Protein backbone atom coordinates (compact mmCIF):
# COMPACT_ATOMS: atom_id res chain seq x y z
CA MET A 1 -57.11 4.91 174.36
CA THR A 2 -58.83 6.71 177.20
CA GLU A 3 -56.48 7.60 180.03
CA VAL A 4 -57.42 5.77 183.22
CA THR A 5 -56.58 6.85 186.74
CA PRO A 6 -56.70 4.19 189.50
CA ASP A 7 -59.98 4.05 191.41
CA LEU A 8 -61.80 6.08 188.73
CA PRO A 9 -64.31 4.42 186.36
CA ASP A 10 -63.55 4.26 182.65
CA GLU A 11 -66.03 4.56 179.77
CA GLN A 12 -66.98 0.88 179.93
CA SER A 13 -67.62 1.08 183.67
CA PHE A 14 -69.88 4.11 183.15
CA ALA A 15 -71.76 2.27 180.38
CA THR A 16 -72.30 -0.84 182.50
CA TRP A 17 -73.54 1.19 185.47
CA LEU A 18 -75.88 3.29 183.32
CA THR A 19 -77.32 0.28 181.50
CA GLU A 20 -78.12 -1.46 184.77
CA ARG A 21 -79.61 1.64 186.39
CA ILE A 22 -81.74 2.60 183.36
CA GLY A 23 -82.89 -1.01 183.02
CA ALA A 24 -84.00 -1.01 186.64
CA TYR A 25 -86.15 2.09 186.06
CA ALA A 26 -87.54 0.76 182.76
CA GLY A 27 -88.26 -2.67 184.22
CA ARG A 28 -86.52 -4.47 181.37
CA ARG A 29 -83.10 -5.11 179.86
CA ILE A 30 -81.77 -2.02 178.05
CA ASP A 31 -79.53 -2.16 174.99
CA PRO A 32 -76.63 0.31 175.57
CA ALA A 33 -77.17 1.61 172.01
CA GLU A 34 -80.92 2.19 172.53
CA GLU A 35 -82.05 5.81 172.28
CA VAL A 36 -83.25 7.68 175.38
CA SER A 37 -86.67 8.17 173.75
CA ALA A 38 -87.13 4.38 173.71
CA TRP A 39 -86.37 3.90 177.41
CA GLY A 40 -89.98 4.69 178.31
CA LEU A 41 -89.00 6.97 181.19
CA ASP A 42 -90.86 10.15 182.04
CA SER A 43 -89.16 13.43 182.92
CA VAL A 44 -89.39 12.80 186.68
CA THR A 45 -87.62 9.46 186.35
CA LEU A 46 -84.93 10.98 184.13
CA LEU A 47 -84.35 13.68 186.75
CA THR A 48 -84.02 10.92 189.34
CA LEU A 49 -81.47 9.21 187.07
CA PHE A 50 -79.52 12.46 186.99
CA GLY A 51 -79.55 12.53 190.80
CA ASP A 52 -78.31 8.94 190.91
CA ILE A 53 -75.41 9.81 188.59
CA GLU A 54 -74.45 12.81 190.70
CA ALA A 55 -74.65 10.78 193.93
CA GLU A 56 -72.48 8.00 192.47
CA PHE A 57 -69.87 9.99 190.50
CA GLY A 58 -70.12 13.61 191.60
CA PRO A 59 -71.17 16.71 189.58
CA LEU A 60 -70.12 15.56 186.11
CA LEU A 61 -73.16 16.73 184.13
CA GLU A 62 -76.41 18.69 184.11
CA PRO A 63 -79.94 17.30 183.60
CA ALA A 64 -80.12 18.54 179.99
CA ASP A 65 -76.99 16.54 179.11
CA ILE A 66 -79.01 13.31 179.34
CA TRP A 67 -81.12 14.41 176.36
CA SER A 68 -78.03 15.65 174.46
CA HIS A 69 -76.42 12.20 174.58
CA PRO A 70 -79.06 9.84 173.20
CA THR A 71 -77.80 6.41 174.29
CA ALA A 72 -76.20 4.91 177.39
CA ILE A 73 -72.98 4.52 175.39
CA ASP A 74 -72.97 8.20 174.39
CA LEU A 75 -73.75 9.30 177.94
CA ALA A 76 -70.95 7.07 179.25
CA ARG A 77 -68.49 8.71 176.86
CA TYR A 78 -69.59 12.12 178.06
CA LEU A 79 -69.14 11.14 181.71
CA ALA A 80 -65.64 9.88 180.84
CA LEU A 81 -64.94 13.21 179.12
CA ARG A 82 -66.12 15.22 182.12
CA GLN A 83 -64.03 13.10 184.45
CA GLY A 84 -61.00 13.54 182.21
CA LEU A 85 -61.41 17.31 182.08
CA ARG A 86 -61.61 17.44 185.86
CA ARG A 87 -58.47 15.30 186.08
CA HIS A 88 -56.51 17.56 183.70
CA GLY A 89 -57.45 20.68 185.66
CA GLY A 90 -56.96 23.98 183.82
CA ARG A 91 -54.46 22.82 181.20
CA VAL A 92 -55.11 23.86 177.61
CA ARG A 93 -55.64 20.84 175.34
CA PRO A 94 -57.13 21.93 172.00
CA ALA A 95 -58.50 19.61 169.32
CA LEU A 96 -58.92 20.82 165.73
CA VAL A 97 -62.02 20.01 163.66
CA PHE A 98 -61.89 20.82 159.93
CA THR A 99 -65.07 21.89 158.14
CA GLY A 100 -66.11 20.31 154.85
CA GLN A 101 -68.01 21.36 151.74
CA GLY A 102 -70.94 23.72 152.23
CA CYS A 103 -69.26 26.45 154.28
CA GLN A 104 -67.55 28.15 151.32
CA HIS A 105 -68.38 31.71 150.28
CA PRO A 106 -66.84 34.37 148.03
CA ARG A 107 -63.91 36.24 149.66
CA MET A 108 -63.74 33.78 152.52
CA THR A 109 -60.97 34.67 155.02
CA ALA A 110 -60.26 37.95 153.13
CA GLY A 111 -60.04 39.83 156.43
CA LEU A 112 -57.46 37.41 157.78
CA HIS A 113 -55.48 37.55 154.55
CA GLU A 114 -55.38 41.34 154.71
CA GLY A 115 -54.29 41.58 158.34
CA LEU A 116 -52.13 38.54 159.01
CA SER A 117 -48.81 37.88 157.26
CA GLY A 118 -48.61 34.30 158.53
CA TYR A 119 -51.95 33.41 157.01
CA ARG A 120 -50.92 35.03 153.70
CA ARG A 121 -47.75 32.93 153.66
CA HIS A 122 -49.51 29.62 154.32
CA LEU A 123 -52.31 30.33 151.83
CA ALA A 124 -49.65 31.11 149.22
CA ALA A 125 -47.98 27.75 149.93
CA ALA A 126 -51.27 25.93 149.43
CA ASP A 127 -51.92 27.93 146.26
CA GLU A 128 -48.54 26.93 144.85
CA ALA A 129 -49.19 23.25 145.59
CA ILE A 130 -52.67 23.33 143.99
CA ALA A 131 -51.86 25.40 140.87
CA PRO A 132 -50.36 22.54 138.75
CA TYR A 133 -53.57 20.52 139.08
CA LEU A 134 -56.15 23.31 138.99
CA GLY A 135 -54.49 25.35 136.25
CA ARG A 136 -55.20 28.60 138.06
CA SER A 137 -54.62 30.41 141.35
CA VAL A 138 -56.97 29.18 144.06
CA ARG A 139 -55.89 32.15 146.21
CA GLU A 140 -57.21 34.59 143.60
CA LEU A 141 -60.42 32.56 143.31
CA ILE A 142 -60.91 32.79 147.07
CA LEU A 143 -60.12 36.48 147.48
CA ASP A 144 -61.61 37.97 144.30
CA GLY A 145 -65.22 37.21 145.22
CA ASP A 146 -65.61 34.75 142.34
CA GLU A 147 -68.96 32.94 142.55
CA ARG A 148 -67.35 29.91 140.91
CA VAL A 149 -66.06 29.05 144.38
CA HIS A 150 -69.36 27.14 144.66
CA GLN A 151 -68.45 24.79 141.78
CA THR A 152 -67.38 21.47 143.29
CA ALA A 153 -64.17 21.18 141.26
CA LEU A 154 -63.08 24.55 142.71
CA THR A 155 -64.83 24.38 146.08
CA GLN A 156 -62.89 21.40 147.40
CA PRO A 157 -59.37 22.73 146.65
CA ALA A 158 -60.40 26.19 147.91
CA LEU A 159 -61.64 24.82 151.23
CA PHE A 160 -58.56 22.66 151.56
CA ALA A 161 -56.31 25.69 151.00
CA VAL A 162 -58.19 27.73 153.60
CA GLY A 163 -58.24 24.90 156.16
CA TYR A 164 -54.55 24.18 155.69
CA ALA A 165 -53.57 27.87 155.93
CA LEU A 166 -55.69 28.47 159.04
CA ALA A 167 -54.28 25.40 160.79
CA MET A 168 -50.67 26.20 159.91
CA THR A 169 -51.15 29.74 161.18
CA LEU A 170 -52.25 28.33 164.54
CA LEU A 171 -49.58 25.62 164.72
CA GLU A 172 -46.48 27.16 163.19
CA ASP A 173 -46.98 30.86 163.92
CA GLU A 174 -48.92 30.81 167.18
CA GLY A 175 -47.68 27.66 168.93
CA VAL A 176 -51.00 25.82 169.24
CA ARG A 177 -50.40 22.12 170.01
CA PRO A 178 -53.47 19.99 169.24
CA VAL A 179 -54.19 16.77 171.11
CA ALA A 180 -56.25 15.43 168.17
CA VAL A 181 -57.54 16.32 164.70
CA LEU A 182 -60.77 15.44 162.89
CA GLY A 183 -62.25 16.43 159.53
CA HIS A 184 -65.79 16.48 158.14
CA GLY A 185 -65.88 15.23 154.53
CA THR A 186 -63.37 17.21 152.47
CA GLY A 187 -61.99 18.56 155.75
CA GLU A 188 -60.37 15.19 156.34
CA VAL A 189 -57.72 16.01 153.73
CA ALA A 190 -56.44 19.09 155.59
CA ALA A 191 -56.66 17.15 158.86
CA ALA A 192 -54.45 14.43 157.33
CA VAL A 193 -51.75 16.98 156.47
CA VAL A 194 -51.80 18.46 159.97
CA ALA A 195 -51.63 14.93 161.43
CA GLY A 196 -48.47 14.22 159.43
CA ALA A 197 -50.08 11.50 157.30
CA MET A 198 -49.61 13.23 153.93
CA PRO A 199 -47.40 16.05 152.59
CA LEU A 200 -48.97 19.24 151.27
CA ASP A 201 -48.20 18.53 147.60
CA ASP A 202 -49.85 15.11 147.66
CA ALA A 203 -52.88 16.42 149.55
CA ALA A 204 -53.27 19.13 146.89
CA ARG A 205 -53.24 16.46 144.16
CA LEU A 206 -55.78 14.37 146.05
CA VAL A 207 -58.27 17.16 146.68
CA CYS A 208 -58.10 18.52 143.13
CA PHE A 209 -58.82 15.14 141.56
CA ARG A 210 -61.52 14.49 144.16
CA GLY A 211 -63.30 17.72 143.24
CA ALA A 212 -62.92 17.26 139.49
CA TYR A 213 -64.12 13.67 139.32
CA THR A 214 -67.15 14.27 141.54
CA GLN A 215 -68.25 17.46 139.77
CA TYR A 216 -68.55 15.74 136.43
CA LEU A 217 -70.73 12.88 137.61
CA PRO A 218 -74.28 12.81 136.20
CA SER A 219 -76.69 15.24 137.83
CA GLY A 220 -79.88 14.23 139.65
CA GLY A 221 -78.45 13.75 143.13
CA GLY A 222 -78.70 15.96 146.18
CA MET A 223 -78.42 16.13 149.95
CA MET A 224 -80.96 17.03 152.63
CA ALA A 225 -80.43 17.96 156.28
CA THR A 226 -83.02 16.61 158.71
CA CYS A 227 -83.86 16.99 162.38
CA ALA A 228 -84.35 13.22 162.60
CA SER A 229 -82.54 10.58 164.60
CA PRO A 230 -80.96 7.63 162.75
CA PHE A 231 -83.88 5.44 163.89
CA GLU A 232 -86.48 7.83 162.47
CA VAL A 233 -84.51 8.11 159.25
CA ALA A 234 -84.39 4.33 158.87
CA ASP A 235 -88.19 4.18 158.86
CA ALA A 236 -88.47 6.97 156.28
CA LEU A 237 -85.92 5.29 153.97
CA ALA A 238 -87.58 1.86 153.98
CA ASP A 239 -88.77 2.06 150.36
CA GLU A 240 -86.09 4.36 148.92
CA PRO A 241 -83.14 2.31 147.63
CA GLU A 242 -81.54 5.38 145.99
CA VAL A 243 -81.42 7.41 149.23
CA SER A 244 -79.06 6.73 152.12
CA VAL A 245 -77.55 8.50 155.11
CA GLY A 246 -74.80 10.87 154.02
CA ALA A 247 -73.80 12.16 157.46
CA PHE A 248 -74.53 11.56 161.14
CA ASN A 249 -73.82 15.03 162.53
CA ALA A 250 -75.47 14.87 165.97
CA ALA A 251 -78.22 13.09 167.89
CA ARG A 252 -81.02 14.65 165.82
CA ALA A 253 -79.06 16.01 162.88
CA THR A 254 -78.90 13.42 160.10
CA VAL A 255 -78.09 14.30 156.49
CA LEU A 256 -79.56 12.22 153.68
CA SER A 257 -77.96 11.78 150.27
CA GLY A 258 -79.26 10.34 147.02
CA ALA A 259 -81.66 10.85 144.12
CA VAL A 260 -83.58 14.14 144.38
CA ASP A 261 -86.99 12.60 143.68
CA GLY A 262 -86.41 10.06 146.45
CA LEU A 263 -85.31 12.83 148.83
CA GLU A 264 -88.53 14.71 148.09
CA ARG A 265 -90.61 11.68 149.06
CA VAL A 266 -88.62 11.19 152.27
CA ARG A 267 -89.07 14.86 153.08
CA SER A 268 -92.84 14.47 152.82
CA ARG A 269 -92.85 11.39 155.06
CA LEU A 270 -90.80 13.16 157.71
CA ALA A 271 -93.02 16.25 157.54
CA ARG A 272 -96.09 14.11 158.24
CA VAL A 273 -94.61 13.14 161.63
CA GLY A 274 -93.45 16.67 162.41
CA ILE A 275 -89.77 16.36 161.46
CA ALA A 276 -88.26 19.30 159.57
CA SER A 277 -85.78 18.95 156.72
CA THR A 278 -84.13 21.21 154.17
CA PHE A 279 -82.20 20.68 150.95
CA LEU A 280 -78.51 21.61 150.96
CA SER A 281 -76.84 23.73 148.26
CA VAL A 282 -74.77 20.95 146.70
CA SER A 283 -74.52 19.69 143.15
CA HIS A 284 -74.39 15.95 143.82
CA ALA A 285 -75.24 13.24 146.33
CA PHE A 286 -71.92 13.21 148.15
CA HIS A 287 -71.10 10.35 150.53
CA SER A 288 -73.56 8.02 148.86
CA PRO A 289 -73.46 5.11 146.39
CA LEU A 290 -74.16 7.65 143.60
CA MET A 291 -70.45 8.57 143.88
CA GLU A 292 -69.40 5.08 142.74
CA PRO A 293 -68.88 5.97 139.04
CA ALA A 294 -65.98 8.24 140.11
CA ILE A 295 -64.20 5.62 142.18
CA SER A 296 -62.06 3.85 139.56
CA ARG A 297 -60.58 7.06 138.11
CA PHE A 298 -60.13 8.60 141.53
CA ALA A 299 -58.45 5.45 142.87
CA GLU A 300 -55.94 5.57 140.02
CA ALA A 301 -55.16 9.22 140.76
CA ALA A 302 -54.78 8.51 144.48
CA ARG A 303 -52.65 5.40 143.99
CA HIS A 304 -49.41 7.38 143.68
CA LEU A 305 -49.85 9.41 146.87
CA ARG A 306 -47.12 9.44 149.50
CA THR A 307 -49.05 8.54 152.62
CA ASP A 308 -48.22 7.40 156.14
CA ARG A 309 -49.78 6.76 159.51
CA PRO A 310 -50.88 9.89 161.42
CA THR A 311 -48.43 11.14 164.03
CA LEU A 312 -51.24 12.96 165.87
CA PRO A 313 -54.41 11.20 167.05
CA TYR A 314 -56.56 11.24 163.87
CA TYR A 315 -60.28 10.72 164.34
CA SER A 316 -61.74 9.33 161.14
CA THR A 317 -65.26 10.26 160.08
CA VAL A 318 -65.21 7.25 157.78
CA HIS A 319 -64.85 4.85 160.73
CA GLY A 320 -66.26 7.06 163.51
CA ARG A 321 -63.23 6.52 165.75
CA GLN A 322 -59.50 7.07 166.01
CA TYR A 323 -57.71 5.66 162.98
CA ASP A 324 -53.99 4.93 163.06
CA GLY A 325 -53.67 3.11 159.75
CA VAL A 326 -52.07 4.50 156.60
CA LEU A 327 -54.32 7.06 154.91
CA ASP A 328 -53.80 5.52 151.49
CA ALA A 329 -55.81 5.39 148.26
CA GLY A 330 -58.11 2.74 149.72
CA TYR A 331 -59.07 5.05 152.57
CA TRP A 332 -59.82 8.02 150.32
CA THR A 333 -61.84 6.05 147.78
CA ALA A 334 -63.94 4.54 150.59
CA GLN A 335 -64.51 8.05 151.89
CA LEU A 336 -66.28 9.06 148.66
CA THR A 337 -69.27 6.78 149.27
CA ALA A 338 -69.16 6.22 153.04
CA PRO A 339 -71.45 8.26 155.30
CA VAL A 340 -69.71 10.91 157.42
CA ARG A 341 -69.74 9.48 160.96
CA PHE A 342 -69.08 12.86 162.48
CA ALA A 343 -71.06 12.39 165.70
CA ASP A 344 -69.39 9.05 166.50
CA ALA A 345 -65.91 10.40 165.82
CA VAL A 346 -66.47 13.58 167.86
CA ARG A 347 -67.90 11.72 170.85
CA ARG A 348 -64.98 9.30 170.89
CA MET A 349 -62.48 12.12 170.52
CA LEU A 350 -64.07 14.04 173.40
CA ALA A 351 -64.08 10.99 175.68
CA GLU A 352 -60.65 9.62 174.77
CA ARG A 353 -58.62 12.85 174.40
CA THR A 354 -60.56 15.10 176.82
CA PRO A 355 -59.70 18.34 174.99
CA SER A 356 -60.19 21.55 176.94
CA HIS A 357 -61.18 23.30 173.68
CA VAL A 358 -62.48 22.15 170.31
CA VAL A 359 -61.62 24.59 167.51
CA GLU A 360 -63.49 24.56 164.21
CA ILE A 361 -61.12 25.25 161.30
CA GLY A 362 -62.91 26.67 158.28
CA PRO A 363 -64.18 29.91 156.70
CA LYS A 364 -67.51 29.87 158.57
CA ALA A 365 -68.80 28.29 161.78
CA VAL A 366 -71.11 25.45 160.75
CA LEU A 367 -70.01 22.56 162.97
CA THR A 368 -69.62 24.47 166.24
CA PRO A 369 -73.31 24.16 167.22
CA PHE A 370 -73.08 20.35 166.83
CA LEU A 371 -69.81 20.29 168.76
CA ARG A 372 -71.34 22.26 171.62
CA ARG A 373 -74.32 19.91 171.82
CA MET A 374 -72.04 16.88 172.07
CA ALA A 375 -69.59 18.51 174.49
CA GLY A 376 -72.41 19.56 176.82
CA ARG A 377 -72.66 22.64 178.97
CA GLN A 378 -69.79 21.64 181.23
CA GLY A 379 -67.65 19.96 178.59
CA SER A 380 -64.98 21.19 176.20
CA ALA A 381 -65.27 24.83 175.16
CA CYS A 382 -66.11 25.00 171.43
CA LEU A 383 -65.12 27.94 169.25
CA ALA A 384 -64.48 28.75 165.59
CA VAL A 385 -61.43 30.41 164.06
CA CYS A 386 -63.76 32.18 161.60
CA ARG A 387 -67.31 32.94 162.68
CA GLY A 388 -68.29 34.15 159.21
CA PRO A 389 -67.49 36.38 156.21
CA ASN A 390 -66.41 39.35 158.34
CA SER A 391 -63.90 37.51 160.52
CA ASN A 392 -60.48 39.13 160.67
CA ALA A 393 -57.15 39.12 162.52
CA VAL A 394 -58.75 40.67 165.62
CA ASP A 395 -61.16 37.73 165.85
CA LEU A 396 -58.27 35.27 165.52
CA ALA A 397 -56.44 37.09 168.31
CA GLY A 398 -59.47 36.48 170.51
CA VAL A 399 -59.37 32.75 169.73
CA LEU A 400 -55.66 32.61 170.55
CA SER A 401 -56.28 34.45 173.81
CA THR A 402 -58.93 31.89 174.73
CA LEU A 403 -56.56 29.04 173.89
CA ASP A 404 -53.69 30.73 175.73
CA ALA A 405 -51.62 29.37 172.86
CA GLY A 406 -48.00 28.63 173.56
CA PRO A 407 -46.59 27.67 176.97
CA LEU A 408 -49.75 26.13 178.45
CA ALA A 409 -50.63 24.02 175.43
CA GLU A 410 -49.68 20.38 175.66
CA ARG A 411 -49.41 17.59 173.15
């Protein structure tokens, strides 16, 4: 839950105040979940709203932050985050966010592997756990520049191994103490291990079966990133039963998943109203009902997992909030077809845990731009352990310096 200091408003108090004030300007009752574009306020009125917020609560945000947080609820969470950061002062409170499928590339993290003994050790541990299920060395696949790293059955275990090894390097070798963890898609598996909800060996089994069963589903599905809000997407999907939302990444970053011909039609409809979209390099319609044929076999494989409740705050992108239940087979089978509620989970994590830093864990920075948009200009600092293919031990040292890992970090 959000920490509350006496005489300071909490998230609900912010939401109530904002809803009343916005409603007064709009001349009607405002739904707290209604998007800023539907408020009917011009730029001058929105600037006045910003002034009202500053007069009431102090300098917690900048004018642009109102557009970055599309509803009164989202803006209330951001105000609670800013208040929490101010309350915690300069203490280092990192949260870890694990990247999912789509960020993989040949020789990912090769520079770190060459220059950092701790990373080599943790990647070897992941490799050993994965080998019985994959029938080969995932470490060699990662480091040899093998293009098959883009095949789903190999991609998912490879990304898990990299995410696990990067996180363990930060935690066990460098003393980073996260206040929360969160994973996008496949990244949830590595996040679960770090949160203490599943041992490495069981996570390796889970991710290998997940990759294998999804790769061999029938073809014909795909995914498409759009610059549309959920409301705009809903209109475009009205007559497309085989297309659904695969991920809510940010206010105007919605990923669609489903049959390719349906995605093409949606793309045309969005283009007619000036909304850009692009197909993603994936083999199937992940996080959609088209994953359902894999569920029964995957559920059987996941049934024997040793799972527990997270010991660290675990922000679920299945539920879009903190989840403290057991991460059992039911959770992981639901995750196959459920949309990734990344934006909801991140906003709640920012407001409830008030991290000083949010660190993207993965071989390439793909989520950091979304994280920065949601954190705002004055919010949590967002950085990536690996910026891209050329990242090395020197880059990691810079991240650790920023985090001031060790004595100042707090749980």
